[in-house]
Structure formats: structure tokens, C-alpha cells
Protein backbone atom coordinates (compact mmCIF):
# COMPACT_ATOMS: atom_id res chain seq x y z
CA MET A 1 37.99 40.94 62.63
CA LYS A 2 34.46 40.80 63.01
CA GLU A 3 33.28 38.10 60.24
CA VAL A 4 29.95 38.68 58.42
CA ALA A 5 26.92 36.23 57.29
CA PRO A 6 26.61 35.34 53.32
CA ALA A 7 23.30 37.46 52.89
CA PRO A 8 20.80 34.57 52.16
CA ALA A 9 19.53 32.99 48.86
CA PRO A 10 16.45 35.14 47.47
CA GLU A 11 13.55 33.27 47.73
CA CYS A 12 11.85 31.81 44.56
CA PHE A 13 8.76 32.58 43.06
CA ASP A 14 5.73 30.14 44.30
CA TRP A 15 4.52 29.07 40.74
CA SER A 16 1.62 26.99 42.72
CA GLY A 17 -1.96 27.42 42.06
CA PHE A 18 -4.85 27.12 39.22
CA TYR A 19 -4.10 28.14 35.04
CA ILE A 20 -6.20 28.22 32.29
CA GLY A 21 -5.75 29.20 28.86
CA ALA A 22 -6.52 29.83 25.88
CA PHE A 23 -4.95 29.63 21.94
CA GLY A 24 -5.87 30.23 18.64
CA SER A 25 -4.16 30.63 14.90
CA TYR A 26 -4.80 30.54 11.14
CA LYS A 27 -2.49 29.03 8.50
CA HIS A 28 -1.68 29.42 5.21
CA ALA A 29 -0.04 26.70 3.20
CA GLY A 30 0.11 26.50 -0.69
CA VAL A 31 1.50 23.03 -2.58
CA ASN A 32 2.44 23.14 -6.10
CA ALA A 33 0.63 19.96 -6.94
CA ASP A 34 2.17 20.38 -10.88
CA LEU A 35 5.12 18.17 -10.92
CA ASP A 36 6.91 15.60 -11.88
CA PRO A 37 8.07 13.00 -9.51
CA THR A 38 11.60 11.87 -10.75
CA GLY A 39 14.68 11.25 -8.32
CA ASP A 40 14.28 10.05 -4.92
CA TRP A 41 10.34 9.80 -5.47
CA LEU A 42 11.06 6.63 -7.79
CA LEU A 43 11.77 5.10 -4.42
CA LEU A 44 8.29 6.27 -3.26
CA PRO A 45 5.83 4.71 -5.83
CA ASP A 46 2.84 5.31 -3.73
CA ASP A 47 3.33 8.52 -2.81
CA ALA A 48 4.72 9.90 -6.30
CA ALA A 49 1.31 7.97 -7.89
CA THR A 50 -0.62 10.10 -5.11
CA ILE A 51 1.02 13.42 -6.56
CA GLU A 52 0.23 12.35 -9.89
CA ASN A 53 -3.13 11.47 -9.12
CA HIS A 54 -3.77 14.74 -7.68
CA SER A 55 -2.17 16.79 -10.17
CA ALA A 56 -4.07 15.12 -13.15
CA HIS A 57 -7.38 15.77 -10.99
CA ASN A 58 -6.41 19.55 -10.59
CA ASP A 59 -7.34 18.32 -6.57
CA ASP A 60 -6.59 21.71 -4.16
CA LEU A 61 -4.03 20.27 -1.62
CA ASP A 62 -3.77 23.42 0.19
CA ALA A 63 -3.80 22.99 4.05
CA ASN A 64 -5.37 26.42 4.75
CA GLY A 65 -7.29 26.73 8.32
CA ALA A 66 -7.94 27.74 12.01
CA GLU A 67 -7.09 26.06 14.91
CA VAL A 68 -8.35 26.86 17.98
CA GLY A 69 -7.56 25.04 21.92
CA GLY A 70 -6.76 25.49 25.53
CA PHE A 71 -5.57 24.34 28.22
CA SER A 72 -6.42 24.56 31.89
CA ARG A 73 -3.50 23.32 35.07
CA ILE A 74 -3.38 23.14 38.46
CA GLN A 75 0.23 23.05 40.19
CA PHE A 76 1.26 22.00 43.46
CA PRO A 77 4.93 23.16 44.52
CA GLU A 78 5.99 19.87 43.42
CA ARG A 79 3.35 17.97 41.40
CA MET A 80 1.85 19.49 38.32
CA LEU A 81 -1.51 17.71 36.69
CA GLY A 82 -2.48 19.63 33.64
CA VAL A 83 -4.80 18.85 30.39
CA ARG A 84 -4.88 20.42 26.90
CA TYR A 85 -7.53 20.54 24.73
């Protein structure tokens, strides 16, 4: 009986080249500063005092804001060099 050679493996895609991209987002995080630190907070007196101080002055601890950035990359068959900014 005649033997048939197995099919060759498919060639992998080559991702070599230059890439550039950008990203952007917006985040919203509300913080309730009206609290009475007890329990585990007593182990961190500096942090508890900071929260109490902000709460007493009605400071806004919300973390809202936009974020943008980008990246560029040069990829060789066995090496990659990239920068993210």
C-alpha cells in the first residue's frame, strides 16, 4: 500500500510592521465621604483622619475625568520595540 505524506502545517501570519494607535475614555467614580471610620479603620489612624477631615469640609472626592493616550510599535519577526504615551 502506498503511504501518503501528512499535509504541511499552515503558515503562521507575520505580524511584523509598524503600528500606531490611540485610545480615550471617561471615568466616573463617586465617593461618599459622610462616614464614621470604625473597626479596621482604627488600624490606619492617618487614613481615618484624612477621610474625617474631608468629610468635615464637604470636599468633593469624586474622581471624574477624561483620559487619552496613544502608542506606537515596531515589531520585527523575533523582537518588538514599543512606546506607550
